Amino acid sequence: MASLTPAAFAILLSLAAGERHGYGIMQEVAALSDGRMRLGPGTLYRTIQRLLAHGLIVESDERPDPALDDERRRYYRLTEMGRRVAGVEARRLARLVEAARARQLLVGAALVQGEWTE
């Protein structure tokens, strides 16, 4: 996998905190982005299929108590390789933010309650 799409990175980031089912991933991505990124079911499951094919995530064998959960749900977890790839992508993005700062694109800007201010 050459480079991660924003959706793929967001899914890996959500799974870095623990196993989740599809709808849980959608909710976590929305929460992480303060609602700015919303994955529709098509994008979510196409991206999950690619991440599975590349070995970055796996379907979990462990299931919650059926009395507490819908048995049709599939749970996913990050693989060690997925964790490494997500880390590489996070460092790449951090370098881009540093380059933006060096070019004074973020001068005087601050992230306040999820909004960039001047």
PDB file of N, CA and C in Angstrom:
ATOM      1  N   MET A   1       0.869  -1.175   0.000  1.00  0.00           N
ATOM      2  CA  MET A   1       0.000   0.000   0.000  1.00  0.00           C
ATOM      3  C   MET A   1       0.908   1.229   0.000  1.00  0.00           C
ATOM      4  N   ALA A   2       0.879   1.974  -1.097  1.00  0.00           N
ATOM      5  CA  ALA A   2       1.791   3.095  -1.276  1.00  0.00           C
ATOM      6  C   ALA A   2       1.518   4.226  -0.303  1.00  0.00           C
ATOM      7  N   SER A   3       0.331   4.715  -0.284  1.00  0.00           N
ATOM      8  CA  SER A   3      -0.001   5.828   0.583  1.00  0.00           C
ATOM      9  C   SER A   3      -1.440   5.646   1.041  1.00  0.00           C
ATOM     10  N   LEU A   4      -1.716   6.106   2.220  1.00  0.00           N
ATOM     11  CA  LEU A   4      -3.049   5.924   2.785  1.00  0.00           C
ATOM     12  C   LEU A   4      -3.974   7.053   2.368  1.00  0.00           C
ATOM     13  N   THR A   5      -5.182   6.705   2.047  1.00  0.00           N
ATOM     14  CA  THR A   5      -6.200   7.724   1.817  1.00  0.00           C
ATOM     15  C   THR A   5      -6.595   8.291   3.179  1.00  0.00           C
ATOM     16  N   PRO A   6      -7.214   9.464   3.202  1.00  0.00           N
ATOM     17  CA  PRO A   6      -7.689   9.985   4.487  1.00  0.00           C
ATOM     18  C   PRO A   6      -8.634   9.003   5.195  1.00  0.00           C
ATOM     19  N   ALA A   7      -9.492   8.332   4.438  1.00  0.00           N
ATOM     20  CA  ALA A   7     -10.426   7.371   5.047  1.00  0.00           C
ATOM     21  C   ALA A   7      -9.664   6.198   5.664  1.00  0.00           C
ATOM     22  N   ALA A   8      -8.665   5.677   4.951  1.00  0.00           N
ATOM     23  CA  ALA A   8      -7.890   4.546   5.477  1.00  0.00           C
ATOM     24  C   ALA A   8      -7.138   4.950   6.743  1.00  0.00           C
ATOM     25  N   PHE A   9      -6.522   6.122   6.725  1.00  0.00           N
ATOM     26  CA  PHE A   9      -5.795   6.576   7.915  1.00  0.00           C
ATOM     27  C   PHE A   9      -6.751   6.749   9.086  1.00  0.00           C
ATOM     28  N   ALA A  10      -7.910   7.328   8.834  1.00  0.00           N
ATOM     29  CA  ALA A  10      -8.886   7.545   9.901  1.00  0.00           C
ATOM     30  C   ALA A  10      -9.366   6.210  10.488  1.00  0.00           C
ATOM     31  N   ILE A  11      -9.564   5.209   9.649  1.00  0.00           N
ATOM     32  CA  ILE A  11      -9.977   3.893  10.143  1.00  0.00           C
ATOM     33  C   ILE A  11      -8.878   3.273  10.987  1.00  0.00           C
ATOM     34  N   LEU A  12      -7.638   3.323  10.510  1.00  0.00           N
ATOM     35  CA  LEU A  12      -6.523   2.788  11.302  1.00  0.00           C
ATOM     36  C   LEU A  12      -6.397   3.530  12.621  1.00  0.00           C
ATOM     37  N   LEU A  13      -6.545   4.833  12.585  1.00  0.00           N
ATOM     38  CA  LEU A  13      -6.468   5.637  13.804  1.00  0.00           C
ATOM     39  C   LEU A  13      -7.568   5.233  14.786  1.00  0.00           C
ATOM     40  N   SER A  14      -8.762   4.998  14.286  1.00  0.00           N
ATOM     41  CA  SER A  14      -9.852   4.600  15.181  1.00  0.00           C
ATOM     42  C   SER A  14      -9.596   3.221  15.782  1.00  0.00           C
ATOM     43  N   LEU A  15      -8.989   2.319  15.015  1.00  0.00           N
ATOM     44  CA  LEU A  15      -8.720   0.973  15.518  1.00  0.00           C
ATOM     45  C   LEU A  15      -7.492   0.921  16.428  1.00  0.00           C
ATOM     46  N   ALA A  16      -6.673   1.969  16.408  1.00  0.00           N
ATOM     47  CA  ALA A  16      -5.509   2.009  17.298  1.00  0.00           C
ATOM     48  C   ALA A  16      -5.936   2.031  18.762  1.00  0.00           C
ATOM     49  N   ALA A  17      -7.159   2.454  19.023  1.00  0.00           N
ATOM     50  CA  ALA A  17      -7.672   2.501  20.396  1.00  0.00           C
ATOM     51  C   ALA A  17      -8.324   1.182  20.812  1.00  0.00           C
ATOM     52  N   GLY A  18      -8.521   0.262  19.860  1.00  0.00           N
ATOM     53  CA  GLY A  18      -9.116  -1.028  20.192  1.00  0.00           C
ATOM     54  C   GLY A  18     -10.057  -1.510  19.108  1.00  0.00           C
ATOM     55  N   GLU A  19     -10.527  -2.723  19.271  1.00  0.00           N
ATOM     56  CA  GLU A  19     -11.423  -3.341  18.290  1.00  0.00           C
ATOM     57  C   GLU A  19     -12.728  -2.565  18.184  1.00  0.00           C
ATOM     58  N   ARG A  20     -13.264  -2.542  16.966  1.00  0.00           N
ATOM     59  CA  ARG A  20     -14.550  -1.880  16.727  1.00  0.00           C
ATOM     60  C   ARG A  20     -15.262  -2.584  15.584  1.00  0.00           C
ATOM     61  N   HIS A  21     -16.567  -2.459  15.570  1.00  0.00           N
ATOM     62  CA  HIS A  21     -17.351  -2.911  14.422  1.00  0.00           C
ATOM     63  C   HIS A  21     -17.524  -1.716  13.495  1.00  0.00           C
ATOM     64  N   GLY A  22     -18.067  -1.963  12.299  1.00  0.00           N
ATOM     65  CA  GLY A  22     -18.161  -0.915  11.283  1.00  0.00           C
ATOM     66  C   GLY A  22     -18.817   0.362  11.754  1.00  0.00           C
ATOM     67  N   TYR A  23     -19.992   0.245  12.372  1.00  0.00           N
ATOM     68  CA  TYR A  23     -20.684   1.447  12.828  1.00  0.00           C
ATOM     69  C   TYR A  23     -19.877   2.157  13.911  1.00  0.00           C
ATOM     70  N   GLY A  24     -19.206   1.390  14.771  1.00  0.00           N
ATOM     71  CA  GLY A  24     -18.353   1.981  15.800  1.00  0.00           C
ATOM     72  C   GLY A  24     -17.188   2.745  15.187  1.00  0.00           C
ATOM     73  N   ILE A  25     -16.640   2.217  14.090  1.00  0.00           N
ATOM     74  CA  ILE A  25     -15.561   2.918  13.379  1.00  0.00           C
ATOM     75  C   ILE A  25     -16.098   4.241  12.826  1.00  0.00           C
ATOM     76  N   MET A  26     -17.269   4.188  12.215  1.00  0.00           N
ATOM     77  CA  MET A  26     -17.869   5.416  11.664  1.00  0.00           C
ATOM     78  C   MET A  26     -18.052   6.472  12.752  1.00  0.00           C
ATOM     79  N   GLN A  27     -18.538   6.057  13.910  1.00  0.00           N
ATOM     80  CA  GLN A  27     -18.747   6.995  15.018  1.00  0.00           C
ATOM     81  C   GLN A  27     -17.423   7.560  15.530  1.00  0.00           C
ATOM     82  N   GLU A  28     -16.416   6.701  15.653  1.00  0.00           N
ATOM     83  CA  GLU A  28     -15.110   7.144  16.167  1.00  0.00           C
ATOM     84  C   GLU A  28     -14.446   8.118  15.202  1.00  0.00           C
ATOM     85  N   VAL A  29     -14.518   7.850  13.905  1.00  0.00           N
ATOM     86  CA  VAL A  29     -13.933   8.748  12.910  1.00  0.00           C
ATOM     87  C   VAL A  29     -14.619  10.114  12.986  1.00  0.00           C
ATOM     88  N   ALA A  30     -15.932  10.126  13.093  1.00  0.00           N
ATOM     89  CA  ALA A  30     -16.654  11.399  13.220  1.00  0.00           C
ATOM     90  C   ALA A  30     -16.226  12.128  14.491  1.00  0.00           C
ATOM     91  N   ALA A  31     -16.064  11.395  15.596  1.00  0.00           N
ATOM     92  CA  ALA A  31     -15.654  12.019  16.861  1.00  0.00           C
ATOM     93  C   ALA A  31     -14.228  12.557  16.770  1.00  0.00           C
ATOM     94  N   LEU A  32     -13.305  11.783  16.178  1.00  0.00           N
ATOM     95  CA  LEU A  32     -11.908  12.218  16.062  1.00  0.00           C
ATOM     96  C   LEU A  32     -11.772  13.484  15.223  1.00  0.00           C
ATOM     97  N   SER A  33     -12.668  13.643  14.260  1.00  0.00           N
ATOM     98  CA  SER A  33     -12.585  14.788  13.353  1.00  0.00           C
ATOM     99  C   SER A  33     -13.578  15.889  13.710  1.00  0.00           C
ATOM    100  N   ASP A  34     -14.144  15.815  14.904  1.00  0.00           N
ATOM    101  CA  ASP A  34     -15.162  16.791  15.312  1.00  0.00           C
ATOM    102  C   ASP A  34     -16.266  16.910  14.271  1.00  0.00           C
ATOM    103  N   GLY A  35     -16.645  15.781  13.680  1.00  0.00           N
ATOM    104  CA  GLY A  35     -17.726  15.741  12.718  1.00  0.00           C
ATOM    105  C   GLY A  35     -17.371  16.171  11.314  1.00  0.00           C
ATOM    106  N   ARG A  36     -16.119  16.521  11.068  1.00  0.00           N
ATOM    107  CA  ARG A  36     -15.718  16.993   9.745  1.00  0.00           C
ATOM    108  C   ARG A  36     -15.536  15.860   8.749  1.00  0.00           C
ATOM    109  N   MET A  37     -15.276  14.674   9.238  1.00  0.00           N
ATOM    110  CA  MET A  37     -15.131  13.519   8.353  1.00  0.00           C
ATOM    111  C   MET A  37     -16.199  12.509   8.720  1.00  0.00           C
ATOM    112  N   ARG A  38     -17.028  12.228   7.769  1.00  0.00           N
ATOM    113  CA  ARG A  38     -18.078  11.222   7.971  1.00  0.00           C
ATOM    114  C   ARG A  38     -17.922  10.177   6.877  1.00  0.00           C
ATOM    115  N   LEU A  39     -17.714   8.943   7.298  1.00  0.00           N
ATOM    116  CA  LEU A  39     -17.568   7.851   6.345  1.00  0.00           C
ATOM    117  C   LEU A  39     -18.937   7.250   6.071  1.00  0.00           C
ATOM    118  N   GLY A  40     -19.313   7.223   4.819  1.00  0.00           N
ATOM    119  CA  GLY A  40     -20.533   6.527   4.448  1.00  0.00           C
ATOM    120  C   GLY A  40     -20.259   5.035   4.421  1.00  0.00           C
ATOM    121  N   PRO A  41     -21.302   4.217   4.428  1.00  0.00           N
ATOM    122  CA  PRO A  41     -21.107   2.762   4.440  1.00  0.00           C
ATOM    123  C   PRO A  41     -20.299   2.249   3.255  1.00  0.00           C
ATOM    124  N   GLY A  42     -20.509   2.802   2.068  1.00  0.00           N
ATOM    125  CA  GLY A  42     -19.757   2.343   0.900  1.00  0.00           C
ATOM    126  C   GLY A  42     -18.266   2.590   1.051  1.00  0.00           C
ATOM    127  N   THR A  43     -17.908   3.816   1.421  1.00  0.00           N
ATOM    128  CA  THR A  43     -16.491   4.158   1.632  1.00  0.00           C
ATOM    129  C   THR A  43     -15.902   3.319   2.752  1.00  0.00           C
ATOM    130  N   LEU A  44     -16.635   3.198   3.845  1.00  0.00           N
ATOM    131  CA  LEU A  44     -16.146   2.434   4.995  1.00  0.00           C
ATOM    132  C   LEU A  44     -15.822   0.999   4.604  1.00  0.00           C
ATOM    133  N   TYR A  45     -16.762   0.304   4.010  1.00  0.00           N
ATOM    134  CA  TYR A  45     -16.559  -1.125   3.751  1.00  0.00           C
ATOM    135  C   TYR A  45     -15.626  -1.393   2.576  1.00  0.00           C
ATOM    136  N   ARG A  46     -15.571  -0.503   1.579  1.00  0.00           N
ATOM    137  CA  ARG A  46     -14.555  -0.651   0.520  1.00  0.00           C
ATOM    138  C   ARG A  46     -13.157  -0.474   1.108  1.00  0.00           C
ATOM    139  N   THR A  47     -13.021   0.520   1.974  1.00  0.00           N
ATOM    140  CA  THR A  47     -11.717   0.775   2.591  1.00  0.00           C
ATOM    141  C   THR A  47     -11.339  -0.365   3.526  1.00  0.00           C
ATOM    142  N   ILE A  48     -12.284  -0.859   4.304  1.00  0.00           N
ATOM    143  CA  ILE A  48     -12.011  -2.007   5.182  1.00  0.00           C
ATOM    144  C   ILE A  48     -11.532  -3.195   4.350  1.00  0.00           C
ATOM    145  N   GLN A  49     -12.164  -3.456   3.216  1.00  0.00           N
ATOM    146  CA  GLN A  49     -11.747  -4.575   2.366  1.00  0.00           C
ATOM    147  C   GLN A  49     -10.308  -4.399   1.883  1.00  0.00           C
ATOM    148  N   ARG A  50      -9.938  -3.175   1.511  1.00  0.00           N
ATOM    149  CA  ARG A  50      -8.546  -2.918   1.084  1.00  0.00           C
ATOM    150  C   ARG A  50      -7.574  -3.099   2.245  1.00  0.00           C
ATOM    151  N   LEU A  51      -7.948  -2.600   3.423  1.00  0.00           N
ATOM    152  CA  LEU A  51      -7.067  -2.734   4.588  1.00  0.00           C
ATOM    153  C   LEU A  51      -6.906  -4.208   4.971  1.00  0.00           C
ATOM    154  N   LEU A  52      -7.979  -4.988   4.871  1.00  0.00           N
ATOM    155  CA  LEU A  52      -7.900  -6.435   5.126  1.00  0.00           C
ATOM    156  C   LEU A  52      -6.971  -7.098   4.114  1.00  0.00           C
ATOM    157  N   ALA A  53      -7.140  -6.759   2.834  1.00  0.00           N
ATOM    158  CA  ALA A  53      -6.332  -7.363   1.768  1.00  0.00           C
ATOM    159  C   ALA A  53      -4.846  -7.066   1.929  1.00  0.00           C
ATOM    160  N   HIS A  54      -4.532  -5.896   2.475  1.00  0.00           N
ATOM    161  CA  HIS A  54      -3.128  -5.506   2.679  1.00  0.00           C
ATOM    162  C   HIS A  54      -2.584  -5.954   4.031  1.00  0.00           C
ATOM    163  N   GLY A  55      -3.415  -6.620   4.830  1.00  0.00           N
ATOM    164  CA  GLY A  55      -2.951  -7.130   6.120  1.00  0.00           C
ATOM    165  C   GLY A  55      -2.784  -6.063   7.186  1.00  0.00           C
ATOM    166  N   LEU A  56      -3.426  -4.907   7.010  1.00  0.00           N
ATOM    167  CA  LEU A  56      -3.291  -3.837   7.999  1.00  0.00           C
ATOM    168  C   LEU A  56      -4.304  -3.977   9.126  1.00  0.00           C
ATOM    169  N   ILE A  57      -5.407  -4.661   8.853  1.00  0.00           N
ATOM    170  CA  ILE A  57      -6.395  -4.985   9.872  1.00  0.00           C
ATOM    171  C   ILE A  57      -6.817  -6.436   9.660  1.00  0.00           C
ATOM    172  N   VAL A  58      -7.416  -7.017  10.671  1.00  0.00           N
ATOM    173  CA  VAL A  58      -7.986  -8.364  10.573  1.00  0.00           C
ATOM    174  C   VAL A  58      -9.353  -8.353  11.233  1.00  0.00           C
ATOM    175  N   GLU A  59     -10.167  -9.306  10.820  1.00  0.00           N
ATOM    176  CA  GLU A  59     -11.448  -9.492  11.494  1.00  0.00           C
ATOM    177  C   GLU A  59     -11.161 -10.243  12.782  1.00  0.00           C
ATOM    178  N   SER A  60     -11.720  -9.777  13.857  1.00  0.00           N
ATOM    179  CA  SER A  60     -11.463 -10.353  15.168  1.00  0.00           C
ATOM    180  C   SER A  60     -12.225 -11.655  15.343  1.00  0.00           C
ATOM    181  N   ASP A  61     -11.585 -12.624  15.975  1.00  0.00           N
ATOM    182  CA  ASP A  61     -12.247 -13.893  16.307  1.00  0.00           C
ATOM    183  C   ASP A  61     -13.065 -13.756  17.579  1.00  0.00           C
ATOM    184  N   GLU A  62     -12.655 -12.833  18.439  1.00  0.00           N
ATOM    185  CA  GLU A  62     -13.353 -12.658  19.710  1.00  0.00           C
ATOM    186  C   GLU A  62     -14.619 -11.852  19.496  1.00  0.00           C
ATOM    187  N   ARG A  63     -15.656 -12.249  20.208  1.00  0.00           N
ATOM    188  CA  ARG A  63     -16.949 -11.586  20.092  1.00  0.00           C
ATOM    189  C   ARG A  63     -17.468 -11.208  21.461  1.00  0.00           C
ATOM    190  N   PRO A  64     -18.169 -10.084  21.541  1.00  0.00           N
ATOM    191  CA  PRO A  64     -18.813  -9.750  22.810  1.00  0.00           C
ATOM    192  C   PRO A  64     -19.909 -10.772  23.114  1.00  0.00           C
ATOM    193  N   ASP A  65     -20.394 -10.752  24.307  1.00  0.00           N
ATOM    194  CA  ASP A  65     -21.510 -11.607  24.709  1.00  0.00           C
ATOM    195  C   ASP A  65     -22.677 -11.363  23.748  1.00  0.00           C
ATOM    196  N   PRO A  66     -23.197 -12.431  23.108  1.00  0.00           N
ATOM    197  CA  PRO A  66     -24.302 -12.238  22.156  1.00  0.00           C
ATOM    198  C   PRO A  66     -25.515 -11.535  22.759  1.00  0.00           C
ATOM    199  N   ALA A  67     -25.694 -11.653  24.055  1.00  0.00           N
ATOM    200  CA  ALA A  67     -26.817 -10.967  24.696  1.00  0.00           C
ATOM    201  C   ALA A  67     -26.615  -9.451  24.704  1.00  0.00           C
ATOM    202  N   LEU A  68     -25.363  -9.011  24.562  1.00  0.00           N
ATOM    203  CA  LEU A  68     -25.045  -7.583  24.603  1.00  0.00           C
ATOM    204  C   LEU A  68     -24.778  -6.987  23.225  1.00  0.00           C
ATOM    205  N   ASP A  69     -24.768  -7.831  22.192  1.00  0.00           N
ATOM    206  CA  ASP A  69     -24.349  -7.346  20.883  1.00  0.00           C
ATOM    207  C   ASP A  69     -25.098  -8.094  19.788  1.00  0.00           C
ATOM    208  N   ASP A  70     -25.165  -7.489  18.614  1.00  0.00           N
ATOM    209  CA  ASP A  70     -25.768  -8.126  17.449  1.00  0.00           C
ATOM    210  C   ASP A  70     -24.758  -9.110  16.865  1.00  0.00           C
ATOM    211  N   GLU A  71     -25.131 -10.362  16.765  1.00  0.00           N
ATOM    212  CA  GLU A  71     -24.204 -11.397  16.302  1.00  0.00           C
ATOM    213  C   GLU A  71     -23.769 -11.216  14.851  1.00  0.00           C
ATOM    214  N   ARG A  72     -24.487 -10.386  14.081  1.00  0.00           N
ATOM    215  CA  ARG A  72     -24.114 -10.154  12.680  1.00  0.00           C
ATOM    216  C   ARG A  72     -22.955  -9.183  12.544  1.00  0.00           C
ATOM    217  N   ARG A  73     -22.656  -8.452  13.577  1.00  0.00           N
ATOM    218  CA  ARG A  73     -21.569  -7.468  13.501  1.00  0.00           C
ATOM    219  C   ARG A  73     -20.223  -8.157  13.366  1.00  0.00           C
ATOM    220  N   ARG A  74     -19.382  -7.541  12.551  1.00  0.00           N
ATOM    221  CA  ARG A  74     -18.009  -8.004  12.423  1.00  0.00           C
ATOM    222  C   ARG A  74     -17.127  -6.974  13.114  1.00  0.00           C
ATOM    223  N   TYR A  75     -16.198  -7.467  13.904  1.00  0.00           N
ATOM    224  CA  TYR A  75     -15.268  -6.597  14.616  1.00  0.00           C
ATOM    225  C   TYR A  75     -13.913  -6.679  13.943  1.00  0.00           C
ATOM    226  N   TYR A  76     -13.228  -5.535  13.921  1.00  0.00           N
ATOM    227  CA  TYR A  76     -11.924  -5.439  13.277  1.00  0.00           C
ATOM    228  C   TYR A  76     -10.904  -4.936  14.282  1.00  0.00           C
ATOM    229  N   ARG A  77      -9.658  -5.358  14.050  1.00  0.00           N
ATOM    230  CA  ARG A  77      -8.573  -4.868  14.895  1.00  0.00           C
ATOM    231  C   ARG A  77      -7.354  -4.596  14.026  1.00  0.00           C
ATOM    232  N   LEU A  78      -6.523  -3.741  14.526  1.00  0.00           N
ATOM    233  CA  LEU A  78      -5.291  -3.356  13.863  1.00  0.00           C
ATOM    234  C   LEU A  78      -4.273  -4.483  13.986  1.00  0.00           C
ATOM    235  N   THR A  79      -3.550  -4.769  12.923  1.00  0.00           N
ATOM    236  CA  THR A  79      -2.425  -5.706  13.003  1.00  0.00           C
ATOM    237  C   THR A  79      -1.174  -4.914  13.402  1.00  0.00           C
ATOM    238  N   GLU A  80      -0.124  -5.619  13.715  1.00  0.00           N
ATOM    239  CA  GLU A  80       1.132  -4.937  14.045  1.00  0.00           C
ATOM    240  C   GLU A  80       1.608  -4.128  12.837  1.00  0.00           C
ATOM    241  N   MET A  81       1.478  -4.705  11.645  1.00  0.00           N
ATOM    242  CA  MET A  81       1.876  -3.974  10.439  1.00  0.00           C
ATOM    243  C   MET A  81       0.972  -2.747  10.255  1.00  0.00           C
ATOM    244  N   GLY A  82      -0.310  -2.869  10.524  1.00  0.00           N
ATOM    245  CA  GLY A  82      -1.229  -1.740  10.429  1.00  0.00           C
ATOM    246  C   GLY A  82      -0.841  -0.625  11.381  1.00  0.00           C
ATOM    247  N   ARG A  83      -0.415  -1.005  12.593  1.00  0.00           N
ATOM    248  CA  ARG A  83       0.033  -0.010  13.566  1.00  0.00           C
ATOM    249  C   ARG A  83       1.279   0.715  13.057  1.00  0.00           C
ATOM    250  N   ARG A  84       2.204  -0.041  12.465  1.00  0.00           N
ATOM    251  CA  ARG A  84       3.430   0.579  11.929  1.00  0.00           C
ATOM    252  C   ARG A  84       3.102   1.520  10.772  1.00  0.00           C
ATOM    253  N   VAL A  85       2.231   1.067   9.862  1.00  0.00           N
ATOM    254  CA  VAL A  85       1.854   1.897   8.707  1.00  0.00           C
ATOM    255  C   VAL A  85       1.153   3.171   9.177  1.00  0.00           C
ATOM    256  N   ALA A  86       0.272   3.057  10.146  1.00  0.00           N
ATOM    257  CA  ALA A  86      -0.414   4.243  10.682  1.00  0.00           C
ATOM    258  C   ALA A  86       0.593   5.198  11.312  1.00  0.00           C
ATOM    259  N   GLY A  87       1.589   4.659  11.995  1.00  0.00           N
ATOM    260  CA  GLY A  87       2.629   5.502  12.588  1.00  0.00           C
ATOM    261  C   GLY A  87       3.444   6.231  11.537  1.00  0.00           C
ATOM    262  N   VAL A  88       3.790   5.533  10.464  1.00  0.00           N
ATOM    263  CA  VAL A  88       4.532   6.160   9.362  1.00  0.00           C
ATOM    264  C   VAL A  88       3.704   7.289   8.757  1.00  0.00           C
ATOM    265  N   GLU A  89       2.407   7.038   8.553  1.00  0.00           N
ATOM    266  CA  GLU A  89       1.529   8.071   7.982  1.00  0.00           C
ATOM    267  C   GLU A  89       1.395   9.256   8.931  1.00  0.00           C
ATOM    268  N   ALA A  90       1.283   9.004  10.223  1.00  0.00           N
ATOM    269  CA  ALA A  90       1.181  10.093  11.198  1.00  0.00           C
ATOM    270  C   ALA A  90       2.445  10.951  11.175  1.00  0.00           C
ATOM    271  N   ARG A  91       3.608  10.316  11.065  1.00  0.00           N
ATOM    272  CA  ARG A  91       4.859  11.077  10.995  1.00  0.00           C
ATOM    273  C   ARG A  91       4.938  11.879   9.690  1.00  0.00           C
ATOM    274  N   ARG A  92       4.459  11.287   8.591  1.00  0.00           N
ATOM    275  CA  ARG A  92       4.449  12.002   7.311  1.00  0.00           C
ATOM    276  C   ARG A  92       3.570  13.251   7.410  1.00  0.00           C
ATOM    277  N   LEU A  93       2.406  13.106   8.001  1.00  0.00           N
ATOM    278  CA  LEU A  93       1.505  14.249   8.158  1.00  0.00           C
ATOM    279  C   LEU A  93       2.094  15.299   9.098  1.00  0.00           C
ATOM    280  N   ALA A  94       2.765  14.861  10.151  1.00  0.00           N
ATOM    281  CA  ALA A  94       3.403  15.796  11.082  1.00  0.00           C
ATOM    282  C   ALA A  94       4.486  16.609  10.364  1.00  0.00           C
ATOM    283  N   ARG A  95       5.242  15.943   9.475  1.00  0.00           N
ATOM    284  CA  ARG A  95       6.265  16.666   8.708  1.00  0.00           C
ATOM    285  C   ARG A  95       5.631  17.717   7.799  1.00  0.00           C
ATOM    286  N   LEU A  96       4.485  17.389   7.212  1.00  0.00           N
ATOM    287  CA  LEU A  96       3.797  18.363   6.367  1.00  0.00           C
ATOM    288  C   LEU A  96       3.312  19.557   7.182  1.00  0.00           C
ATOM    289  N   VAL A  97       2.821  19.313   8.384  1.00  0.00           N
ATOM    290  CA  VAL A  97       2.395  20.417   9.248  1.00  0.00           C
ATOM    291  C   VAL A  97       3.602  21.284   9.609  1.00  0.00           C
ATOM    292  N   GLU A  98       4.726  20.654   9.899  1.00  0.00           N
ATOM    293  CA  GLU A  98       5.947  21.419  10.194  1.00  0.00           C
ATOM    294  C   GLU A  98       6.372  22.252   8.984  1.00  0.00           C
ATOM    295  N   ALA A  99       6.246  21.702   7.780  1.00  0.00           N
ATOM    296  CA  ALA A  99       6.586  22.457   6.568  1.00  0.00           C
ATOM    297  C   ALA A  99       5.633  23.647   6.412  1.00  0.00           C
ATOM    298  N   ALA A 100       4.365  23.456   6.722  1.00  0.00           N
ATOM    299  CA  ALA A 100       3.401  24.561   6.654  1.00  0.00           C
ATOM    300  C   ALA A 100       3.767  25.647   7.662  1.00  0.00           C
ATOM    301  N   ARG A 101       4.191  25.240   8.848  1.00  0.00           N
ATOM    302  CA  ARG A 101       4.641  26.229   9.848  1.00  0.00           C
ATOM    303  C   ARG A 101       5.876  26.974   9.354  1.00  0.00           C
ATOM    304  N   ALA A 102       6.843  26.236   8.790  1.00  0.00           N
ATOM    305  CA  ALA A 102       8.073  26.848   8.304  1.00  0.00           C
ATOM    306  C   ALA A 102       7.794  27.852   7.182  1.00  0.00           C
ATOM    307  N   ARG A 103       6.747  27.634   6.441  1.00  0.00           N
ATOM    308  CA  ARG A 103       6.373  28.549   5.355  1.00  0.00           C
ATOM    309  C   ARG A 103       5.356  29.580   5.825  1.00  0.00           C
ATOM    310  N   GLN A 104       5.210  29.654   7.120  1.00  0.00           N
ATOM    311  CA  GLN A 104       4.363  30.634   7.794  1.00  0.00           C
ATOM    312  C   GLN A 104       2.893  30.565   7.363  1.00  0.00           C
ATOM    313  N   LEU A 105       2.445  29.360   7.070  1.00  0.00           N
ATOM    314  CA  LEU A 105       1.032  29.176   6.752  1.00  0.00           C
ATOM    315  C   LEU A 105       0.192  29.054   8.016  1.00  0.00           C
ATOM    316  N   LEU A 106       0.829  28.766   9.130  1.00  0.00           N
ATOM    317  CA  LEU A 106       0.107  28.612  10.390  1.00  0.00           C
ATOM    318  C   LEU A 106       0.482  29.683  11.403  1.00  0.00           C
ATOM    319  N   VAL A 107       1.168  30.733  10.965  1.00  0.00           N
ATOM    320  CA  VAL A 107       1.564  31.805  11.866  1.00  0.00           C
ATOM    321  C   VAL A 107       0.323  32.435  12.474  1.00  0.00           C
ATOM    322  N   GLY A 108       0.303  32.517  13.773  1.00  0.00           N
ATOM    323  CA  GLY A 108      -0.813  33.136  14.465  1.00  0.00           C
ATOM    324  C   GLY A 108      -2.056  32.267  14.516  1.00  0.00           C
ATOM    325  N   ALA A 109      -2.002  31.114  13.870  1.00  0.00           N
ATOM    326  CA  ALA A 109      -3.166  30.221  13.872  1.00  0.00           C
ATOM    327  C   ALA A 109      -3.085  29.299  15.075  1.00  0.00           C
ATOM    328  N   ALA A 110      -4.225  29.029  15.634  1.00  0.00           N
ATOM    329  CA  ALA A 110      -4.297  28.093  16.759  1.00  0.00           C
ATOM    330  C   ALA A 110      -5.555  27.253  16.582  1.00  0.00           C
ATOM    331  N   LEU A 111      -5.452  26.019  16.997  1.00  0.00           N
ATOM    332  CA  LEU A 111      -6.616  25.137  16.958  1.00  0.00           C
ATOM    333  C   LEU A 111      -7.354  25.304  18.276  1.00  0.00           C
ATOM    334  N   VAL A 112      -8.529  25.907  18.222  1.00  0.00           N
ATOM    335  CA  VAL A 112      -9.332  26.169  19.412  1.00  0.00           C
ATOM    336  C   VAL A 112     -10.682  25.497  19.223  1.00  0.00           C
ATOM    337  N   GLN A 113     -10.976  24.560  20.088  1.00  0.00           N
ATOM    338  CA  GLN A 113     -12.239  23.821  20.032  1.00  0.00           C
ATOM    339  C   GLN A 113     -12.526  23.307  18.621  1.00  0.00           C
ATOM    340  N   GLY A 114     -11.490  22.742  17.978  1.00  0.00           N
ATOM    341  CA  GLY A 114     -11.667  22.144  16.672  1.00  0.00           C
ATOM    342  C   GLY A 114     -11.723  23.117  15.509  1.00  0.00           C
ATOM    343  N   GLU A 115     -11.540  24.404  15.757  1.00  0.00           N
ATOM    344  CA  GLU A 115     -11.582  25.412  14.689  1.00  0.00           C
ATOM    345  C   GLU A 115     -10.249  26.140  14.634  1.00  0.00           C
ATOM    346  N   TRP A 116      -9.755  26.387  13.409  1.00  0.00           N
ATOM    347  CA  TRP A 116      -8.540  27.181  13.256  1.00  0.00           C
ATOM    348  C   TRP A 116      -8.908  28.651  13.372  1.00  0.00           C
ATOM    349  N   THR A 117      -8.147  29.349  14.216  1.00  0.00           N
ATOM    350  CA  THR A 117      -8.383  30.781  14.399  1.00  0.00           C
ATOM    351  C   THR A 117      -7.099  31.529  14.040  1.00  0.00           C
ATOM    352  N   GLU A 118      -7.235  32.794  13.774  1.00  0.00           N
ATOM    353  CA  GLU A 118      -6.071  33.667  13.504  1.00  0.00           C
ATOM    354  C   GLU A 118      -5.809  34.537  14.689  1.00  0.00           C
TER     355      GLU A 118
END
